[in-house]
Amino acid sequence: MEEKRQKAYRIGVFVFILLAVLTLGEFWLARTGAPWWAIFWLIALNKAWFVMEHYMHLPKVFAGGEGHEH
């Protein structure tokens, strides 16, 4: 159980850092005045997916099953 918790923690920290890097990339692109709106959409969609997948636990909601995991 402890190993599973450590793995989840490492993934959570990795995703947090990844989201921070993507946000910095968005900020840098916006500051340069780049008109690449498609890149902004791709970054935003990727960030939304990471948040839903790793912080909101969306796959667990649709997976079914009973009980709570602690």
C-alpha atoms as a PDB file:
ATOM      1  CA  MET A   1       0.000   0.000   0.000  1.00  0.00           C
ATOM      2  CA  GLU A   2       2.817   2.397   0.871  1.00  0.00           C
ATOM      3  CA  GLU A   3       4.500   1.785  -2.484  1.00  0.00           C
ATOM      4  CA  LYS A   4       1.260   2.617  -4.299  1.00  0.00           C
ATOM      5  CA  ARG A   5       0.939   5.849  -2.326  1.00  0.00           C
ATOM      6  CA  GLN A   6       4.544   6.852  -3.109  1.00  0.00           C
ATOM      7  CA  LYS A   7       3.999   6.181  -6.801  1.00  0.00           C
ATOM      8  CA  ALA A   8       0.841   8.311  -6.811  1.00  0.00           C
ATOM      9  CA  TYR A   9       2.719  11.087  -5.003  1.00  0.00           C
ATOM     10  CA  ARG A  10       5.585  11.020  -7.545  1.00  0.00           C
ATOM     11  CA  ILE A  11       3.118  11.168 -10.431  1.00  0.00           C
ATOM     12  CA  GLY A  12       1.268  14.044  -8.768  1.00  0.00           C
ATOM     13  CA  VAL A  13       4.474  16.024  -8.305  1.00  0.00           C
ATOM     14  CA  PHE A  14       5.526  15.321 -11.903  1.00  0.00           C
ATOM     15  CA  VAL A  15       2.158  16.501 -13.238  1.00  0.00           C
ATOM     16  CA  PHE A  16       2.342  19.616 -11.043  1.00  0.00           C
ATOM     17  CA  ILE A  17       5.770  20.488 -12.466  1.00  0.00           C
ATOM     18  CA  LEU A  18       4.582  19.738 -16.001  1.00  0.00           C
ATOM     19  CA  LEU A  19       1.593  22.057 -15.560  1.00  0.00           C
ATOM     20  CA  ALA A  20       3.904  24.785 -14.260  1.00  0.00           C
ATOM     21  CA  VAL A  21       6.193  24.403 -17.286  1.00  0.00           C
ATOM     22  CA  LEU A  22       3.233  24.512 -19.684  1.00  0.00           C
ATOM     23  CA  THR A  23       1.932  27.632 -17.937  1.00  0.00           C
ATOM     24  CA  LEU A  24       5.330  29.305 -18.246  1.00  0.00           C
ATOM     25  CA  GLY A  25       5.355  28.368 -21.939  1.00  0.00           C
ATOM     26  CA  GLU A  26       1.934  29.938 -22.394  1.00  0.00           C
ATOM     27  CA  PHE A  27       3.072  33.058 -20.597  1.00  0.00           C
ATOM     28  CA  TRP A  28       6.214  33.323 -22.736  1.00  0.00           C
ATOM     29  CA  LEU A  29       4.227  32.891 -25.953  1.00  0.00           C
ATOM     30  CA  ALA A  30       1.728  35.519 -24.850  1.00  0.00           C
ATOM     31  CA  ARG A  31       4.494  37.961 -23.937  1.00  0.00           C
ATOM     32  CA  THR A  32       6.128  37.605 -27.350  1.00  0.00           C
ATOM     33  CA  GLY A  33       2.819  38.464 -28.973  1.00  0.00           C
ATOM     34  CA  ALA A  34       2.786  35.282 -30.984  1.00  0.00           C
ATOM     35  CA  PRO A  35      -0.420  34.953 -33.010  1.00  0.00           C
ATOM     36  CA  TRP A  36      -0.289  31.166 -32.805  1.00  0.00           C
ATOM     37  CA  TRP A  37      -3.742  30.654 -31.332  1.00  0.00           C
ATOM     38  CA  ALA A  38      -3.713  26.951 -32.180  1.00  0.00           C
ATOM     39  CA  ILE A  39      -0.709  26.387 -29.906  1.00  0.00           C
ATOM     40  CA  PHE A  40      -2.517  28.113 -27.038  1.00  0.00           C
ATOM     41  CA  TRP A  41      -5.519  25.833 -27.549  1.00  0.00           C
ATOM     42  CA  LEU A  42      -3.326  22.722 -27.618  1.00  0.00           C
ATOM     43  CA  ILE A  43      -1.560  23.740 -24.432  1.00  0.00           C
ATOM     44  CA  ALA A  44      -4.862  24.556 -22.716  1.00  0.00           C
ATOM     45  CA  LEU A  45      -6.418  21.236 -23.738  1.00  0.00           C
ATOM     46  CA  ASN A  46      -3.354  19.312 -22.549  1.00  0.00           C
ATOM     47  CA  LYS A  47      -3.414  21.104 -19.212  1.00  0.00           C
ATOM     48  CA  ALA A  48      -7.140  20.421 -18.796  1.00  0.00           C
ATOM     49  CA  TRP A  49      -6.607  16.734 -19.535  1.00  0.00           C
ATOM     50  CA  PHE A  50      -3.782  16.451 -16.991  1.00  0.00           C
ATOM     51  CA  VAL A  51      -5.901  18.142 -14.310  1.00  0.00           C
ATOM     52  CA  MET A  52      -8.917  15.918 -14.971  1.00  0.00           C
ATOM     53  CA  GLU A  53      -6.842  12.744 -15.215  1.00  0.00           C
ATOM     54  CA  HIS A  54      -4.543  13.200 -12.238  1.00  0.00           C
ATOM     55  CA  TYR A  55      -6.202  15.621  -9.827  1.00  0.00           C
ATOM     56  CA  MET A  56      -9.927  15.165 -10.379  1.00  0.00           C
ATOM     57  CA  HIS A  57      -9.585  11.370 -10.862  1.00  0.00           C
ATOM     58  CA  LEU A  58     -12.111  11.419 -13.704  1.00  0.00           C
ATOM     59  CA  PRO A  59     -11.333   7.872 -14.944  1.00  0.00           C
ATOM     60  CA  LYS A  60     -12.248   6.483 -11.505  1.00  0.00           C
ATOM     61  CA  VAL A  61     -15.654   8.162 -11.701  1.00  0.00           C
ATOM     62  CA  PHE A  62     -16.557   6.326 -14.911  1.00  0.00           C
ATOM     63  CA  ALA A  63     -14.838   3.052 -14.028  1.00  0.00           C
ATOM     64  CA  GLY A  64     -17.667   1.979 -11.795  1.00  0.00           C
ATOM     65  CA  GLY A  65     -16.947  -0.227  -8.845  1.00  0.00           C
ATOM     66  CA  GLU A  66     -18.032   0.230  -5.304  1.00  0.00           C
ATOM     67  CA  GLY A  67     -16.209   1.414  -2.237  1.00  0.00           C
ATOM     68  CA  HIS A  68     -13.615   4.001  -1.517  1.00  0.00           C
ATOM     69  CA  GLU A  69      -9.876   3.728  -1.901  1.00  0.00           C
ATOM     70  CA  HIS A  70      -7.795   5.227   0.894  1.00  0.00           C
END
